[in-house]
Amino acid sequence: MDALRYVRTYAKDLKVGAITQSTKYVVRAVTAAVGEAYRFIVEYGAGDGVLCQSLLDRLPDDARVTAVEQNDHMYDELCRIQDSRFSAIKGDVLAMSQDPRSFGLPRIDAVVTSIPLTFYSPADRETLVANTYAMLSAGGSMVVYQYTPLVWPLLKKYFRRVTMRFEPRNILPYFIMRAEK
């Protein structure tokens, strides 16, 4: 998706969390934060799929990525990804996180998200993090990249190890948090 179309989508739907597509620096950092051994990955709020494509480029033939997107325009962009290891689902991640089978994977090794968790109520944020923790396979990770570290204490509440790095080369800069089960 070109930058102008991305900004227009954001302007029409302020629930889209990012003002622009993530830079290559963010995509590299988030892709690196996802464990190399992980084979079954879910992305909450996948946007136009730039991160999904990066994950697919790195994953072996037996891996799968499932992307969830609520915005119609972004979902249409995701559906353009032509890879047998990829599937896109239009839906609400909070509702879907209550039933891990809705992601269509045999297990979930990692969940990646940049959905604007600041838009969620504190109770819904906690529900999403708790549900994600519960659905992850042993040793799995949740990688969250956000404009603020608001979710940091919540991740520390549920996960055994949480690390964070700051990536300034994005509009706006991101905090990239990796929480390990």
N, C-alpha and C. Protein backbone atom coordinates (compact mmCIF):
# COMPACT_ATOMS: atom_id res chain seq x y z
N MET A 1 0.85 -1.17 0.00
CA MET A 1 0.00 0.00 0.00
C MET A 1 0.89 1.23 0.00
N ASP A 2 0.62 2.18 -0.87
CA ASP A 2 1.46 3.38 -0.89
C ASP A 2 1.14 4.27 0.31
N ALA A 3 2.06 5.17 0.64
CA ALA A 3 1.96 5.99 1.84
C ALA A 3 0.71 6.87 1.85
N LEU A 4 0.36 7.46 0.71
CA LEU A 4 -0.80 8.34 0.66
C LEU A 4 -2.09 7.56 0.94
N ARG A 5 -2.21 6.38 0.36
CA ARG A 5 -3.40 5.55 0.59
C ARG A 5 -3.48 5.12 2.05
N TYR A 6 -2.34 4.84 2.65
CA TYR A 6 -2.29 4.45 4.06
C TYR A 6 -2.81 5.60 4.94
N VAL A 7 -2.31 6.80 4.68
CA VAL A 7 -2.74 7.97 5.46
C VAL A 7 -4.23 8.22 5.27
N ARG A 8 -4.73 8.06 4.05
CA ARG A 8 -6.17 8.22 3.81
C ARG A 8 -6.99 7.20 4.59
N THR A 9 -6.52 5.97 4.63
CA THR A 9 -7.21 4.93 5.39
C THR A 9 -7.24 5.31 6.87
N TYR A 10 -6.12 5.78 7.38
CA TYR A 10 -6.04 6.21 8.77
C TYR A 10 -7.02 7.36 9.04
N ALA A 11 -7.07 8.32 8.14
CA ALA A 11 -7.94 9.49 8.31
C ALA A 11 -9.42 9.09 8.32
N LYS A 12 -9.77 8.06 7.59
CA LYS A 12 -11.17 7.61 7.53
C LYS A 12 -11.55 6.73 8.72
N ASP A 13 -10.58 6.06 9.33
CA ASP A 13 -10.84 5.13 10.41
C ASP A 13 -9.77 5.31 11.48
N LEU A 14 -10.07 6.12 12.47
CA LEU A 14 -9.08 6.41 13.51
C LEU A 14 -8.80 5.22 14.43
N LYS A 15 -9.50 4.11 14.22
CA LYS A 15 -9.17 2.88 14.95
C LYS A 15 -7.94 2.21 14.35
N VAL A 16 -7.56 2.63 13.14
CA VAL A 16 -6.30 2.17 12.56
C VAL A 16 -5.22 2.83 13.42
N GLY A 17 -4.38 2.05 14.03
CA GLY A 17 -3.46 2.57 15.03
C GLY A 17 -2.27 3.32 14.49
N ALA A 18 -1.81 3.00 13.31
CA ALA A 18 -0.60 3.62 12.77
C ALA A 18 -0.95 4.72 11.78
N ILE A 19 -0.22 5.78 11.85
CA ILE A 19 -0.42 6.90 10.94
C ILE A 19 0.12 6.56 9.56
N THR A 20 1.24 5.84 9.54
CA THR A 20 1.87 5.41 8.29
C THR A 20 2.31 3.95 8.43
N GLN A 21 2.69 3.36 7.33
CA GLN A 21 3.21 2.00 7.34
C GLN A 21 4.50 1.97 8.17
N SER A 22 4.71 0.88 8.89
CA SER A 22 5.94 0.74 9.69
C SER A 22 7.16 0.78 8.78
N THR A 23 8.20 1.43 9.26
CA THR A 23 9.44 1.52 8.49
C THR A 23 10.16 0.18 8.47
N LYS A 24 11.12 0.06 7.58
CA LYS A 24 11.91 -1.17 7.49
C LYS A 24 12.65 -1.45 8.79
N TYR A 25 12.98 -0.42 9.55
CA TYR A 25 13.68 -0.60 10.81
C TYR A 25 12.78 -1.28 11.84
N VAL A 26 11.53 -0.84 11.89
CA VAL A 26 10.56 -1.46 12.81
C VAL A 26 10.28 -2.89 12.37
N VAL A 27 10.05 -3.09 11.08
CA VAL A 27 9.74 -4.42 10.57
C VAL A 27 10.89 -5.38 10.89
N ARG A 28 12.12 -4.94 10.68
CA ARG A 28 13.28 -5.80 10.99
C ARG A 28 13.35 -6.12 12.47
N ALA A 29 13.15 -5.11 13.31
CA ALA A 29 13.24 -5.31 14.75
C ALA A 29 12.14 -6.24 15.26
N VAL A 30 10.93 -6.07 14.77
CA VAL A 30 9.83 -6.93 15.21
C VAL A 30 10.03 -8.35 14.68
N THR A 31 10.42 -8.48 13.43
CA THR A 31 10.68 -9.81 12.87
C THR A 31 11.77 -10.52 13.66
N ALA A 32 12.81 -9.80 14.04
CA ALA A 32 13.89 -10.38 14.82
C ALA A 32 13.42 -10.79 16.23
N ALA A 33 12.45 -10.06 16.77
CA ALA A 33 11.93 -10.37 18.11
C ALA A 33 11.10 -11.65 18.13
N VAL A 34 10.60 -12.05 16.97
CA VAL A 34 9.85 -13.30 16.88
C VAL A 34 10.87 -14.43 16.81
N GLY A 35 10.74 -15.39 17.68
CA GLY A 35 11.71 -16.48 17.76
C GLY A 35 11.89 -17.23 16.45
N GLU A 36 13.11 -17.58 16.14
CA GLU A 36 13.43 -18.29 14.89
C GLU A 36 12.79 -19.68 14.83
N ALA A 37 12.55 -20.28 15.99
CA ALA A 37 11.97 -21.63 16.01
C ALA A 37 10.45 -21.63 15.87
N TYR A 38 9.85 -20.47 15.95
CA TYR A 38 8.39 -20.40 15.88
C TYR A 38 7.89 -20.70 14.48
N ARG A 39 6.82 -21.47 14.39
CA ARG A 39 6.27 -21.87 13.09
C ARG A 39 4.84 -21.37 12.87
N PHE A 40 4.10 -21.11 13.96
CA PHE A 40 2.70 -20.72 13.84
C PHE A 40 2.50 -19.38 14.53
N ILE A 41 2.29 -18.36 13.69
CA ILE A 41 2.29 -16.98 14.17
C ILE A 41 0.97 -16.31 13.82
N VAL A 42 0.46 -15.52 14.77
CA VAL A 42 -0.74 -14.71 14.56
C VAL A 42 -0.33 -13.26 14.67
N GLU A 43 -0.85 -12.44 13.75
CA GLU A 43 -0.66 -10.99 13.89
C GLU A 43 -2.02 -10.35 14.09
N TYR A 44 -2.17 -9.69 15.24
CA TYR A 44 -3.38 -8.92 15.54
C TYR A 44 -3.24 -7.57 14.86
N GLY A 45 -4.24 -7.15 14.09
CA GLY A 45 -4.21 -5.83 13.46
C GLY A 45 -3.06 -5.72 12.47
N ALA A 46 -3.09 -6.58 11.47
CA ALA A 46 -1.96 -6.70 10.55
C ALA A 46 -1.83 -5.56 9.54
N GLY A 47 -2.78 -4.65 9.51
CA GLY A 47 -2.67 -3.53 8.58
C GLY A 47 -2.58 -3.99 7.14
N ASP A 48 -1.61 -3.46 6.43
CA ASP A 48 -1.47 -3.81 5.00
C ASP A 48 -0.57 -5.03 4.78
N GLY A 49 -0.08 -5.64 5.86
CA GLY A 49 0.67 -6.88 5.74
C GLY A 49 2.17 -6.76 5.59
N VAL A 50 2.73 -5.59 5.79
CA VAL A 50 4.17 -5.43 5.62
C VAL A 50 4.94 -6.34 6.58
N LEU A 51 4.48 -6.47 7.81
CA LEU A 51 5.15 -7.35 8.75
C LEU A 51 4.90 -8.82 8.41
N CYS A 52 3.67 -9.14 8.02
CA CYS A 52 3.36 -10.53 7.62
C CYS A 52 4.30 -10.98 6.51
N GLN A 53 4.50 -10.12 5.54
CA GLN A 53 5.37 -10.48 4.41
C GLN A 53 6.80 -10.71 4.88
N SER A 54 7.27 -9.89 5.80
CA SER A 54 8.61 -10.07 6.34
C SER A 54 8.74 -11.39 7.10
N LEU A 55 7.72 -11.72 7.87
CA LEU A 55 7.73 -13.00 8.59
C LEU A 55 7.72 -14.16 7.61
N LEU A 56 6.89 -14.08 6.60
CA LEU A 56 6.81 -15.15 5.60
C LEU A 56 8.14 -15.33 4.87
N ASP A 57 8.83 -14.23 4.60
CA ASP A 57 10.13 -14.31 3.92
C ASP A 57 11.15 -15.09 4.74
N ARG A 58 10.99 -15.07 6.04
CA ARG A 58 11.94 -15.72 6.93
C ARG A 58 11.55 -17.15 7.32
N LEU A 59 10.27 -17.45 7.25
CA LEU A 59 9.77 -18.73 7.77
C LEU A 59 9.94 -19.88 6.78
N PRO A 60 10.09 -21.10 7.29
CA PRO A 60 10.21 -22.28 6.42
C PRO A 60 8.85 -22.67 5.81
N ASP A 61 8.89 -23.62 4.92
CA ASP A 61 7.69 -24.05 4.19
C ASP A 61 6.59 -24.62 5.08
N ASP A 62 6.94 -25.16 6.24
CA ASP A 62 5.93 -25.77 7.11
C ASP A 62 5.31 -24.78 8.10
N ALA A 63 5.68 -23.52 8.02
CA ALA A 63 5.17 -22.50 8.93
C ALA A 63 3.88 -21.87 8.38
N ARG A 64 3.18 -21.15 9.27
CA ARG A 64 1.97 -20.45 8.85
C ARG A 64 1.83 -19.15 9.61
N VAL A 65 1.30 -18.16 8.91
CA VAL A 65 1.00 -16.86 9.52
C VAL A 65 -0.47 -16.58 9.29
N THR A 66 -1.17 -16.25 10.37
CA THR A 66 -2.57 -15.85 10.28
C THR A 66 -2.66 -14.40 10.72
N ALA A 67 -3.23 -13.56 9.86
CA ALA A 67 -3.36 -12.13 10.14
C ALA A 67 -4.81 -11.79 10.40
N VAL A 68 -5.05 -11.00 11.41
CA VAL A 68 -6.40 -10.56 11.74
C VAL A 68 -6.46 -9.06 11.55
N GLU A 69 -7.45 -8.60 10.82
CA GLU A 69 -7.61 -7.17 10.57
C GLU A 69 -9.09 -6.83 10.56
N GLN A 70 -9.44 -5.72 11.18
CA GLN A 70 -10.84 -5.30 11.26
C GLN A 70 -11.21 -4.28 10.19
N ASN A 71 -10.25 -3.47 9.78
CA ASN A 71 -10.51 -2.42 8.80
C ASN A 71 -10.68 -3.01 7.40
N ASP A 72 -11.73 -2.63 6.69
CA ASP A 72 -12.03 -3.18 5.36
C ASP A 72 -10.91 -2.96 4.36
N HIS A 73 -10.38 -1.73 4.29
CA HIS A 73 -9.33 -1.42 3.31
C HIS A 73 -8.04 -2.19 3.60
N MET A 74 -7.68 -2.25 4.88
CA MET A 74 -6.47 -2.98 5.25
C MET A 74 -6.65 -4.48 5.01
N TYR A 75 -7.83 -4.99 5.31
CA TYR A 75 -8.11 -6.41 5.06
C TYR A 75 -7.97 -6.72 3.58
N ASP A 76 -8.48 -5.84 2.72
CA ASP A 76 -8.34 -6.04 1.26
C ASP A 76 -6.87 -6.10 0.86
N GLU A 77 -6.03 -5.27 1.48
CA GLU A 77 -4.60 -5.29 1.19
C GLU A 77 -3.99 -6.63 1.61
N LEU A 78 -4.38 -7.12 2.79
CA LEU A 78 -3.87 -8.40 3.27
C LEU A 78 -4.21 -9.54 2.30
N CYS A 79 -5.41 -9.47 1.76
CA CYS A 79 -5.86 -10.54 0.86
C CYS A 79 -5.06 -10.59 -0.44
N ARG A 80 -4.25 -9.60 -0.69
CA ARG A 80 -3.39 -9.59 -1.88
C ARG A 80 -2.12 -10.43 -1.69
N ILE A 81 -1.82 -10.78 -0.47
CA ILE A 81 -0.64 -11.60 -0.21
C ILE A 81 -0.90 -13.00 -0.74
N GLN A 82 -0.08 -13.40 -1.67
CA GLN A 82 -0.21 -14.71 -2.30
C GLN A 82 0.86 -15.65 -1.78
N ASP A 83 0.52 -16.39 -0.74
CA ASP A 83 1.45 -17.34 -0.13
C ASP A 83 0.60 -18.41 0.53
N SER A 84 0.85 -19.66 0.21
CA SER A 84 0.04 -20.75 0.75
C SER A 84 0.16 -20.88 2.27
N ARG A 85 1.18 -20.26 2.85
CA ARG A 85 1.38 -20.31 4.31
C ARG A 85 0.66 -19.20 5.04
N PHE A 86 -0.09 -18.38 4.31
CA PHE A 86 -0.71 -17.18 4.86
C PHE A 86 -2.22 -17.22 4.77
N SER A 87 -2.87 -16.75 5.82
CA SER A 87 -4.33 -16.56 5.75
C SER A 87 -4.69 -15.27 6.48
N ALA A 88 -5.69 -14.59 5.95
CA ALA A 88 -6.19 -13.35 6.54
C ALA A 88 -7.61 -13.59 7.04
N ILE A 89 -7.90 -13.03 8.19
CA ILE A 89 -9.22 -13.13 8.79
C ILE A 89 -9.70 -11.73 9.12
N LYS A 90 -10.93 -11.42 8.73
CA LYS A 90 -11.52 -10.14 9.09
C LYS A 90 -12.25 -10.35 10.40
N GLY A 91 -11.84 -9.64 11.42
CA GLY A 91 -12.49 -9.83 12.71
C GLY A 91 -11.90 -8.98 13.81
N ASP A 92 -12.50 -9.16 14.98
CA ASP A 92 -12.13 -8.43 16.19
C ASP A 92 -11.23 -9.34 17.03
N VAL A 93 -9.99 -8.92 17.28
CA VAL A 93 -9.04 -9.78 17.99
C VAL A 93 -9.46 -10.05 19.43
N LEU A 94 -10.13 -9.11 20.07
CA LEU A 94 -10.56 -9.34 21.44
C LEU A 94 -11.53 -10.51 21.50
N ALA A 95 -12.48 -10.53 20.59
CA ALA A 95 -13.45 -11.64 20.54
C ALA A 95 -12.76 -12.94 20.12
N MET A 96 -11.90 -12.85 19.11
CA MET A 96 -11.23 -14.05 18.61
C MET A 96 -10.27 -14.65 19.62
N SER A 97 -9.67 -13.81 20.46
CA SER A 97 -8.70 -14.31 21.44
C SER A 97 -9.36 -15.23 22.47
N GLN A 98 -10.67 -15.19 22.55
CA GLN A 98 -11.38 -16.06 23.48
C GLN A 98 -11.48 -17.49 22.97
N ASP A 99 -11.25 -17.68 21.66
CA ASP A 99 -11.30 -19.02 21.07
C ASP A 99 -10.13 -19.19 20.12
N PRO A 100 -9.00 -19.70 20.62
CA PRO A 100 -7.80 -19.83 19.79
C PRO A 100 -8.00 -20.63 18.51
N ARG A 101 -8.99 -21.50 18.48
CA ARG A 101 -9.26 -22.28 17.26
C ARG A 101 -9.68 -21.38 16.10
N SER A 102 -10.18 -20.18 16.41
CA SER A 102 -10.63 -19.26 15.35
C SER A 102 -9.48 -18.82 14.45
N PHE A 103 -8.23 -19.00 14.89
CA PHE A 103 -7.08 -18.61 14.08
C PHE A 103 -6.67 -19.70 13.09
N GLY A 104 -7.23 -20.88 13.21
CA GLY A 104 -7.00 -21.96 12.25
C GLY A 104 -5.60 -22.54 12.26
N LEU A 105 -4.94 -22.49 13.39
CA LEU A 105 -3.57 -23.03 13.50
C LEU A 105 -3.54 -24.20 14.48
N PRO A 106 -2.62 -25.15 14.27
CA PRO A 106 -2.54 -26.28 15.20
C PRO A 106 -2.06 -25.87 16.59
N ARG A 107 -1.30 -24.81 16.66
CA ARG A 107 -0.85 -24.22 17.92
C ARG A 107 -0.46 -22.78 17.59
N ILE A 108 -0.22 -21.98 18.62
CA ILE A 108 0.21 -20.60 18.39
C ILE A 108 1.52 -20.39 19.14
N ASP A 109 2.58 -20.19 18.37
CA ASP A 109 3.91 -20.00 18.95
C ASP A 109 4.19 -18.53 19.28
N ALA A 110 3.62 -17.63 18.49
CA ALA A 110 3.86 -16.20 18.71
C ALA A 110 2.65 -15.40 18.26
N VAL A 111 2.43 -14.32 18.98
CA VAL A 111 1.43 -13.32 18.59
C VAL A 111 2.17 -12.00 18.50
N VAL A 112 1.96 -11.31 17.40
CA VAL A 112 2.58 -10.02 17.15
C VAL A 112 1.46 -9.01 17.01
N THR A 113 1.62 -7.83 17.61
CA THR A 113 0.57 -6.84 17.47
C THR A 113 1.07 -5.41 17.59
N SER A 114 0.47 -4.57 16.78
CA SER A 114 0.66 -3.12 16.92
C SER A 114 -0.70 -2.45 17.08
N ILE A 115 -1.76 -3.24 17.35
CA ILE A 115 -3.07 -2.61 17.53
C ILE A 115 -2.95 -1.60 18.66
N PRO A 116 -3.63 -0.49 18.55
CA PRO A 116 -3.49 0.58 19.55
C PRO A 116 -4.15 0.19 20.87
N LEU A 117 -3.39 -0.44 21.74
CA LEU A 117 -3.94 -0.91 23.01
C LEU A 117 -4.41 0.23 23.90
N THR A 118 -3.95 1.45 23.62
CA THR A 118 -4.44 2.61 24.36
C THR A 118 -5.91 2.88 24.07
N PHE A 119 -6.43 2.37 22.95
CA PHE A 119 -7.84 2.55 22.59
C PHE A 119 -8.75 1.62 23.39
N TYR A 120 -8.18 0.57 23.98
CA TYR A 120 -8.95 -0.40 24.74
C TYR A 120 -9.10 0.08 26.19
N SER A 121 -10.19 -0.31 26.82
CA SER A 121 -10.35 -0.04 28.25
C SER A 121 -9.31 -0.87 29.00
N PRO A 122 -8.96 -0.48 30.21
CA PRO A 122 -8.01 -1.29 30.97
C PRO A 122 -8.46 -2.76 31.11
N ALA A 123 -9.75 -2.98 31.31
CA ALA A 123 -10.26 -4.35 31.44
C ALA A 123 -10.10 -5.13 30.15
N ASP A 124 -10.38 -4.51 29.00
CA ASP A 124 -10.23 -5.19 27.71
C ASP A 124 -8.76 -5.44 27.38
N ARG A 125 -7.89 -4.50 27.73
CA ARG A 125 -6.44 -4.72 27.53
C ARG A 125 -5.99 -5.94 28.30
N GLU A 126 -6.42 -6.01 29.55
CA GLU A 126 -6.02 -7.15 30.38
C GLU A 126 -6.59 -8.45 29.83
N THR A 127 -7.83 -8.42 29.40
CA THR A 127 -8.44 -9.63 28.82
C THR A 127 -7.66 -10.09 27.61
N LEU A 128 -7.28 -9.16 26.73
CA LEU A 128 -6.54 -9.53 25.53
C LEU A 128 -5.18 -10.13 25.88
N VAL A 129 -4.46 -9.52 26.81
CA VAL A 129 -3.15 -10.04 27.19
C VAL A 129 -3.30 -11.40 27.88
N ALA A 130 -4.28 -11.54 28.77
CA ALA A 130 -4.50 -12.81 29.47
C ALA A 130 -4.89 -13.92 28.49
N ASN A 131 -5.78 -13.61 27.56
CA ASN A 131 -6.19 -14.61 26.56
C ASN A 131 -5.01 -15.00 25.67
N THR A 132 -4.21 -14.03 25.30
CA THR A 132 -3.05 -14.30 24.45
C THR A 132 -2.06 -15.20 25.19
N TYR A 133 -1.80 -14.88 26.43
CA TYR A 133 -0.90 -15.71 27.23
C TYR A 133 -1.42 -17.15 27.27
N ALA A 134 -2.71 -17.31 27.52
CA ALA A 134 -3.31 -18.65 27.65
C ALA A 134 -3.22 -19.45 26.35
N MET A 135 -3.33 -18.78 25.20
CA MET A 135 -3.34 -19.51 23.93
C MET A 135 -1.94 -19.85 23.41
N LEU A 136 -0.92 -19.17 23.90
CA LEU A 136 0.44 -19.41 23.42
C LEU A 136 0.95 -20.78 23.86
N SER A 137 1.68 -21.42 22.97
CA SER A 137 2.32 -22.69 23.32
C SER A 137 3.42 -22.41 24.35
N ALA A 138 3.85 -23.46 25.04
CA ALA A 138 4.92 -23.33 26.03
C ALA A 138 6.14 -22.72 25.35
N GLY A 139 6.72 -21.70 25.96
CA GLY A 139 7.88 -21.03 25.38
C GLY A 139 7.53 -20.00 24.31
N GLY A 140 6.25 -19.80 24.07
CA GLY A 140 5.82 -18.83 23.05
C GLY A 140 6.02 -17.39 23.50
N SER A 141 5.82 -16.47 22.56
CA SER A 141 6.03 -15.06 22.85
C SER A 141 4.92 -14.18 22.28
N MET A 142 4.72 -13.07 22.95
CA MET A 142 3.87 -12.00 22.44
C MET A 142 4.79 -10.82 22.19
N VAL A 143 4.78 -10.32 20.97
CA VAL A 143 5.61 -9.17 20.61
C VAL A 143 4.66 -8.01 20.33
N VAL A 144 4.80 -6.96 21.12
CA VAL A 144 3.91 -5.81 21.05
C VAL A 144 4.74 -4.59 20.67
N TYR A 145 4.33 -3.90 19.61
CA TYR A 145 5.02 -2.65 19.29
C TYR A 145 4.01 -1.53 19.26
N GLN A 146 4.30 -0.51 20.08
CA GLN A 146 3.36 0.57 20.36
C GLN A 146 4.10 1.90 20.44
N TYR A 147 3.32 2.97 20.35
CA TYR A 147 3.89 4.31 20.50
C TYR A 147 4.20 4.64 21.96
N THR A 148 3.58 3.92 22.90
CA THR A 148 3.85 4.12 24.32
C THR A 148 4.11 2.75 24.97
N PRO A 149 4.80 2.74 26.12
CA PRO A 149 5.02 1.48 26.84
C PRO A 149 3.89 1.16 27.82
N LEU A 150 2.70 1.67 27.59
CA LEU A 150 1.56 1.52 28.48
C LEU A 150 1.32 0.06 28.90
N VAL A 151 1.50 -0.87 27.99
CA VAL A 151 1.18 -2.27 28.26
C VAL A 151 2.30 -3.02 28.99
N TRP A 152 3.45 -2.40 29.15
CA TRP A 152 4.60 -3.02 29.81
C TRP A 152 4.25 -3.67 31.16
N PRO A 153 3.63 -2.94 32.11
CA PRO A 153 3.31 -3.57 33.41
C PRO A 153 2.36 -4.76 33.27
N LEU A 154 1.44 -4.68 32.33
CA LEU A 154 0.50 -5.78 32.12
C LEU A 154 1.21 -7.01 31.56
N LEU A 155 2.13 -6.81 30.65
CA LEU A 155 2.92 -7.92 30.12
C LEU A 155 3.72 -8.57 31.24
N LYS A 156 4.31 -7.75 32.10
CA LYS A 156 5.11 -8.27 33.22
C LYS A 156 4.25 -9.05 34.21
N LYS A 157 2.99 -8.71 34.30
CA LYS A 157 2.07 -9.41 35.20
C LYS A 157 1.85 -10.86 34.75
N TYR A 158 1.79 -11.08 33.44
CA TYR A 158 1.45 -12.40 32.90
C TYR A 158 2.65 -13.22 32.43
N PHE A 159 3.65 -12.59 31.90
CA PHE A 159 4.75 -13.32 31.25
C PHE A 159 5.96 -13.38 32.16
N ARG A 160 6.75 -14.46 32.01
CA ARG A 160 7.90 -14.68 32.89
C ARG A 160 9.07 -13.74 32.59
N ARG A 161 9.19 -13.34 31.34
CA ARG A 161 10.30 -12.47 30.95
C ARG A 161 9.80 -11.48 29.91
N VAL A 162 10.07 -10.20 30.16
CA VAL A 162 9.65 -9.16 29.21
C VAL A 162 10.83 -8.24 28.96
N THR A 163 11.13 -8.03 27.68
CA THR A 163 12.20 -7.11 27.31
C THR A 163 11.62 -6.01 26.43
N MET A 164 12.32 -4.89 26.38
CA MET A 164 11.83 -3.78 25.57
C MET A 164 13.00 -3.08 24.91
N ARG A 165 12.76 -2.66 23.68
CA ARG A 165 13.72 -1.80 22.99
C ARG A 165 12.95 -0.65 22.36
N PHE A 166 13.64 0.40 22.06
CA PHE A 166 13.05 1.60 21.47
C PHE A 166 13.55 1.74 20.04
N GLU A 167 12.65 1.93 19.11
CA GLU A 167 13.04 2.14 17.71
C GLU A 167 12.57 3.54 17.29
N PRO A 168 13.51 4.49 17.22
CA PRO A 168 13.15 5.87 16.90
C PRO A 168 12.91 6.13 15.41
N ARG A 169 13.35 5.20 14.55
CA ARG A 169 13.27 5.45 13.10
C ARG A 169 11.91 5.02 12.53
N ASN A 170 10.91 5.69 13.00
CA ASN A 170 9.53 5.47 12.54
C ASN A 170 8.75 6.74 12.82
N ILE A 171 7.66 6.94 12.12
CA ILE A 171 6.77 8.08 12.40
C ILE A 171 5.50 7.49 12.99
N LEU A 172 5.33 7.58 14.18
CA LEU A 172 6.02 7.95 15.39
C LEU A 172 6.93 6.79 15.83
N PRO A 173 7.92 7.07 16.73
CA PRO A 173 8.79 6.01 17.21
C PRO A 173 8.01 4.92 17.96
N TYR A 174 8.55 3.72 17.99
CA TYR A 174 7.89 2.59 18.64
C TYR A 174 8.71 2.05 19.81
N PHE A 175 7.98 1.56 20.81
CA PHE A 175 8.52 0.71 21.86
C PHE A 175 8.20 -0.72 21.42
N ILE A 176 9.19 -1.56 21.34
CA ILE A 176 9.01 -2.95 20.91
C ILE A 176 9.24 -3.83 22.14
N MET A 177 8.16 -4.49 22.58
CA MET A 177 8.21 -5.31 23.78
C MET A 177 8.03 -6.78 23.42
N ARG A 178 8.88 -7.63 23.96
CA ARG A 178 8.78 -9.07 23.73
C ARG A 178 8.54 -9.74 25.08
N ALA A 179 7.40 -10.42 25.18
CA ALA A 179 7.02 -11.11 26.40
C ALA A 179 7.05 -12.60 26.17
N GLU A 180 7.83 -13.33 26.98
CA GLU A 180 8.01 -14.77 26.79
C GLU A 180 7.22 -15.54 27.85
N LYS A 181 6.52 -16.56 27.39
CA LYS A 181 5.73 -17.41 28.28
C LYS A 181 6.65 -18.41 28.99
